[in-house]
Amino acid sequence: MAEKKNVGGKIKQIRESKNIDLITLALRSNIEKDIIIQFEKHQTLPSLSHIIKIARSLGVQLSTFIDENKIRGPIVTLAEEKNKNANFSNKNLKTGSHM
């Protein structure tokens, strides 16, 4: 089967390969069947929250729908950056409270 390059196509391809019908996916994901049909027919793009729910319901990783790179290369970290932490905070950095 040819690989689908879009999210809706991937949803349909995985759903069918696992023999999951639309009603079952709708119940598992708590997304209306008609909405899933729109995704699969490329009429609407799913939000990230929809993609997360569908990925969980189909038992696949989120990256299945987001990352098109099948082969992952090595992660390169410079020695001087090895111990640096990423900080995701707002202007309240001094108080230690986050968003």
N, C-alpha and C. Protein backbone atom coordinates (compact mmCIF):
# COMPACT_ATOMS: atom_id res chain seq x y z
N MET A 1 0.84 -1.18 0.00
CA MET A 1 0.00 0.00 0.00
C MET A 1 0.89 1.25 0.00
N ALA A 2 0.59 2.21 -0.83
CA ALA A 2 1.37 3.44 -0.90
C ALA A 2 1.21 4.24 0.38
N GLU A 3 2.30 4.87 0.80
CA GLU A 3 2.26 5.67 2.01
C GLU A 3 1.50 6.96 1.77
N LYS A 4 0.63 7.32 2.69
CA LYS A 4 -0.11 8.56 2.60
C LYS A 4 0.76 9.68 3.17
N LYS A 5 0.80 10.82 2.51
CA LYS A 5 1.65 11.92 2.92
C LYS A 5 0.94 12.93 3.79
N ASN A 6 -0.33 12.75 4.06
CA ASN A 6 -1.08 13.74 4.81
C ASN A 6 -1.69 13.10 6.05
N VAL A 7 -2.07 13.95 6.99
CA VAL A 7 -2.58 13.45 8.27
C VAL A 7 -3.86 12.64 8.08
N GLY A 8 -4.82 13.17 7.34
CA GLY A 8 -6.07 12.46 7.12
C GLY A 8 -5.86 11.10 6.48
N GLY A 9 -4.98 11.06 5.50
CA GLY A 9 -4.67 9.80 4.83
C GLY A 9 -4.00 8.81 5.77
N LYS A 10 -3.13 9.31 6.64
CA LYS A 10 -2.47 8.44 7.61
C LYS A 10 -3.47 7.89 8.62
N ILE A 11 -4.40 8.75 9.04
CA ILE A 11 -5.42 8.28 9.98
C ILE A 11 -6.19 7.11 9.36
N LYS A 12 -6.65 7.32 8.14
CA LYS A 12 -7.44 6.28 7.45
C LYS A 12 -6.62 5.02 7.22
N GLN A 13 -5.38 5.20 6.78
CA GLN A 13 -4.52 4.05 6.50
C GLN A 13 -4.30 3.21 7.76
N ILE A 14 -3.99 3.84 8.87
CA ILE A 14 -3.73 3.11 10.11
C ILE A 14 -5.02 2.50 10.64
N ARG A 15 -6.10 3.26 10.60
CA ARG A 15 -7.39 2.76 11.08
C ARG A 15 -7.79 1.50 10.33
N GLU A 16 -7.67 1.54 9.01
CA GLU A 16 -8.05 0.38 8.20
C GLU A 16 -7.09 -0.80 8.41
N SER A 17 -5.80 -0.50 8.57
CA SER A 17 -4.84 -1.59 8.76
C SER A 17 -5.05 -2.31 10.09
N LYS A 18 -5.66 -1.62 11.05
CA LYS A 18 -5.95 -2.22 12.36
C LYS A 18 -7.40 -2.70 12.45
N ASN A 19 -8.09 -2.67 11.30
CA ASN A 19 -9.50 -3.11 11.24
C ASN A 19 -10.38 -2.40 12.27
N ILE A 20 -10.20 -1.09 12.37
CA ILE A 20 -11.01 -0.28 13.27
C ILE A 20 -11.97 0.53 12.42
N ASP A 21 -13.26 0.40 12.69
CA ASP A 21 -14.22 1.17 11.89
C ASP A 21 -14.36 2.59 12.45
N LEU A 22 -15.02 3.43 11.69
CA LEU A 22 -15.16 4.84 12.06
C LEU A 22 -15.88 5.02 13.39
N ILE A 23 -16.92 4.23 13.62
CA ILE A 23 -17.68 4.36 14.86
C ILE A 23 -16.82 4.02 16.07
N THR A 24 -16.04 2.97 15.95
CA THR A 24 -15.16 2.57 17.05
C THR A 24 -14.12 3.64 17.33
N LEU A 25 -13.51 4.18 16.28
CA LEU A 25 -12.53 5.24 16.47
C LEU A 25 -13.19 6.47 17.10
N ALA A 26 -14.38 6.80 16.66
CA ALA A 26 -15.10 7.95 17.22
C ALA A 26 -15.36 7.74 18.71
N LEU A 27 -15.79 6.54 19.08
CA LEU A 27 -16.05 6.26 20.50
C LEU A 27 -14.76 6.28 21.32
N ARG A 28 -13.70 5.68 20.80
CA ARG A 28 -12.43 5.63 21.53
C ARG A 28 -11.82 7.01 21.70
N SER A 29 -11.93 7.85 20.68
CA SER A 29 -11.27 9.15 20.70
C SER A 29 -12.15 10.28 21.23
N ASN A 30 -13.44 9.98 21.36
CA ASN A 30 -14.41 11.01 21.76
C ASN A 30 -14.46 12.17 20.75
N ILE A 31 -14.35 11.80 19.48
CA ILE A 31 -14.45 12.76 18.37
C ILE A 31 -15.60 12.26 17.49
N GLU A 32 -16.46 13.16 17.08
CA GLU A 32 -17.60 12.76 16.27
C GLU A 32 -17.15 12.07 14.98
N LYS A 33 -17.88 11.04 14.60
CA LYS A 33 -17.57 10.27 13.39
C LYS A 33 -17.49 11.18 12.16
N ASP A 34 -18.42 12.11 12.03
CA ASP A 34 -18.43 13.01 10.87
C ASP A 34 -17.18 13.88 10.80
N ILE A 35 -16.63 14.24 11.96
CA ILE A 35 -15.40 15.03 11.99
C ILE A 35 -14.23 14.18 11.49
N ILE A 36 -14.17 12.93 11.94
CA ILE A 36 -13.10 12.02 11.49
C ILE A 36 -13.19 11.81 9.98
N ILE A 37 -14.40 11.67 9.48
CA ILE A 37 -14.59 11.53 8.03
C ILE A 37 -14.03 12.75 7.30
N GLN A 38 -14.28 13.94 7.85
CA GLN A 38 -13.74 15.17 7.23
C GLN A 38 -12.22 15.16 7.22
N PHE A 39 -11.60 14.67 8.31
CA PHE A 39 -10.14 14.57 8.34
C PHE A 39 -9.65 13.62 7.25
N GLU A 40 -10.28 12.45 7.19
CA GLU A 40 -9.84 11.42 6.24
C GLU A 40 -10.06 11.84 4.79
N LYS A 41 -11.05 12.66 4.54
CA LYS A 41 -11.33 13.12 3.18
C LYS A 41 -10.63 14.44 2.86
N HIS A 42 -9.78 14.89 3.76
CA HIS A 42 -8.98 16.11 3.56
C HIS A 42 -9.84 17.35 3.46
N GLN A 43 -10.99 17.34 4.10
CA GLN A 43 -11.88 18.50 4.09
C GLN A 43 -11.53 19.46 5.23
N THR A 44 -10.96 18.91 6.29
CA THR A 44 -10.59 19.69 7.47
C THR A 44 -9.28 19.16 8.02
N LEU A 45 -8.43 20.05 8.52
CA LEU A 45 -7.21 19.63 9.18
C LEU A 45 -7.49 19.44 10.67
N PRO A 46 -7.08 18.33 11.23
CA PRO A 46 -7.31 18.12 12.67
C PRO A 46 -6.41 19.01 13.51
N SER A 47 -6.94 19.43 14.66
CA SER A 47 -6.13 20.19 15.61
C SER A 47 -5.15 19.23 16.28
N LEU A 48 -4.18 19.79 16.98
CA LEU A 48 -3.23 18.94 17.69
C LEU A 48 -3.94 18.08 18.73
N SER A 49 -4.93 18.63 19.40
CA SER A 49 -5.64 17.83 20.39
C SER A 49 -6.39 16.66 19.74
N HIS A 50 -6.94 16.88 18.55
CA HIS A 50 -7.58 15.78 17.83
C HIS A 50 -6.55 14.73 17.43
N ILE A 51 -5.40 15.16 16.95
CA ILE A 51 -4.35 14.22 16.55
C ILE A 51 -3.89 13.39 17.74
N ILE A 52 -3.75 14.02 18.89
CA ILE A 52 -3.34 13.29 20.10
C ILE A 52 -4.37 12.23 20.46
N LYS A 53 -5.65 12.61 20.46
CA LYS A 53 -6.71 11.66 20.79
C LYS A 53 -6.75 10.49 19.80
N ILE A 54 -6.60 10.80 18.53
CA ILE A 54 -6.64 9.75 17.50
C ILE A 54 -5.43 8.84 17.62
N ALA A 55 -4.24 9.42 17.84
CA ALA A 55 -3.04 8.60 18.00
C ALA A 55 -3.19 7.63 19.16
N ARG A 56 -3.68 8.13 20.29
CA ARG A 56 -3.89 7.26 21.46
C ARG A 56 -4.91 6.18 21.15
N SER A 57 -5.98 6.56 20.47
CA SER A 57 -7.05 5.60 20.15
C SER A 57 -6.60 4.53 19.19
N LEU A 58 -5.67 4.87 18.30
CA LEU A 58 -5.15 3.90 17.34
C LEU A 58 -3.93 3.14 17.86
N GLY A 59 -3.41 3.57 19.01
CA GLY A 59 -2.26 2.91 19.60
C GLY A 59 -0.96 3.18 18.88
N VAL A 60 -0.83 4.41 18.35
CA VAL A 60 0.41 4.79 17.66
C VAL A 60 0.98 6.05 18.32
N GLN A 61 2.24 6.31 18.03
CA GLN A 61 2.88 7.50 18.57
C GLN A 61 2.39 8.74 17.84
N LEU A 62 2.38 9.84 18.55
CA LEU A 62 1.98 11.12 17.97
C LEU A 62 2.83 11.46 16.75
N SER A 63 4.09 11.12 16.79
CA SER A 63 5.00 11.44 15.68
C SER A 63 4.59 10.74 14.38
N THR A 64 3.78 9.70 14.48
CA THR A 64 3.28 9.02 13.28
C THR A 64 2.59 10.00 12.35
N PHE A 65 1.90 10.97 12.93
CA PHE A 65 1.13 11.93 12.14
C PHE A 65 1.87 13.24 11.90
N ILE A 66 2.88 13.52 12.69
CA ILE A 66 3.53 14.83 12.61
C ILE A 66 4.88 14.77 11.91
N ASP A 67 5.69 13.79 12.23
CA ASP A 67 7.06 13.71 11.72
C ASP A 67 7.11 12.79 10.52
N GLU A 68 7.53 13.31 9.38
CA GLU A 68 7.59 12.50 8.17
C GLU A 68 8.93 11.81 7.99
N ASN A 69 9.91 12.10 8.84
CA ASN A 69 11.22 11.47 8.73
C ASN A 69 11.16 10.07 9.32
N LYS A 70 11.30 9.07 8.47
CA LYS A 70 11.29 7.69 8.92
C LYS A 70 12.60 7.32 9.62
N ILE A 71 13.69 7.85 9.09
CA ILE A 71 15.01 7.51 9.62
C ILE A 71 15.49 8.68 10.47
N ARG A 72 15.80 8.38 11.68
CA ARG A 72 16.28 9.42 12.58
C ARG A 72 17.81 9.34 12.63
N GLY A 73 18.44 10.48 12.48
CA GLY A 73 19.88 10.55 12.58
C GLY A 73 20.29 10.69 14.04
N PRO A 74 21.58 10.70 14.28
CA PRO A 74 22.05 10.86 15.66
C PRO A 74 21.77 12.27 16.17
N ILE A 75 21.55 12.37 17.44
CA ILE A 75 21.38 13.68 18.07
C ILE A 75 22.76 14.15 18.49
N VAL A 76 23.13 15.32 18.01
CA VAL A 76 24.46 15.86 18.29
C VAL A 76 24.34 16.96 19.33
N THR A 77 25.11 16.84 20.40
CA THR A 77 25.14 17.85 21.44
C THR A 77 26.59 18.28 21.64
N LEU A 78 26.81 19.57 21.59
CA LEU A 78 28.15 20.08 21.83
C LEU A 78 28.50 19.88 23.29
N ALA A 79 29.78 19.57 23.58
CA ALA A 79 30.21 19.27 24.94
C ALA A 79 29.89 20.42 25.90
N GLU A 80 30.08 21.66 25.44
CA GLU A 80 29.83 22.80 26.33
C GLU A 80 28.34 23.05 26.56
N GLU A 81 27.49 22.44 25.76
CA GLU A 81 26.05 22.61 25.94
C GLU A 81 25.40 21.40 26.60
N LYS A 82 26.18 20.41 26.92
CA LYS A 82 25.65 19.15 27.44
C LYS A 82 24.81 19.32 28.70
N ASN A 83 25.25 20.17 29.61
CA ASN A 83 24.56 20.30 30.89
C ASN A 83 23.60 21.47 30.95
N LYS A 84 23.36 22.14 29.83
CA LYS A 84 22.41 23.25 29.82
C LYS A 84 21.00 22.70 29.79
N ASN A 85 20.12 23.33 30.52
CA ASN A 85 18.72 22.92 30.55
C ASN A 85 17.89 23.88 29.72
N ALA A 86 16.90 23.36 29.08
CA ALA A 86 15.95 24.21 28.36
C ALA A 86 14.99 24.79 29.39
N ASN A 87 14.68 26.08 29.24
CA ASN A 87 13.80 26.74 30.19
C ASN A 87 12.60 27.27 29.44
N PHE A 88 11.42 26.81 29.78
CA PHE A 88 10.20 27.25 29.15
C PHE A 88 9.38 28.00 30.20
N SER A 89 9.63 29.28 30.28
CA SER A 89 8.98 30.07 31.30
C SER A 89 8.59 31.41 30.71
N ASN A 90 7.88 32.20 31.49
CA ASN A 90 7.50 33.53 31.04
C ASN A 90 8.23 34.58 31.84
N LYS A 91 7.68 35.76 31.90
CA LYS A 91 8.35 36.87 32.59
C LYS A 91 8.48 36.66 34.07
N ASN A 92 7.79 35.69 34.64
CA ASN A 92 7.84 35.43 36.08
C ASN A 92 9.01 34.53 36.45
N LEU A 93 10.03 34.52 35.63
CA LEU A 93 11.18 33.64 35.84
C LEU A 93 11.81 33.85 37.22
N LYS A 94 11.90 35.09 37.68
CA LYS A 94 12.54 35.37 38.98
C LYS A 94 11.78 34.74 40.13
N THR A 95 10.47 34.67 40.04
CA THR A 95 9.68 34.12 41.14
C THR A 95 9.58 32.61 41.08
N GLY A 96 9.97 32.03 39.97
CA GLY A 96 9.93 30.59 39.83
C GLY A 96 8.56 30.08 39.43
N SER A 97 7.60 30.98 39.29
CA SER A 97 6.29 30.52 38.85
C SER A 97 6.23 30.53 37.35
N HIS A 98 5.53 29.58 36.83
CA HIS A 98 5.42 29.44 35.38
C HIS A 98 4.01 29.75 34.93
N MET A 99 3.95 30.31 33.77
CA MET A 99 2.72 30.65 33.08
C MET A 99 1.57 30.40 33.94
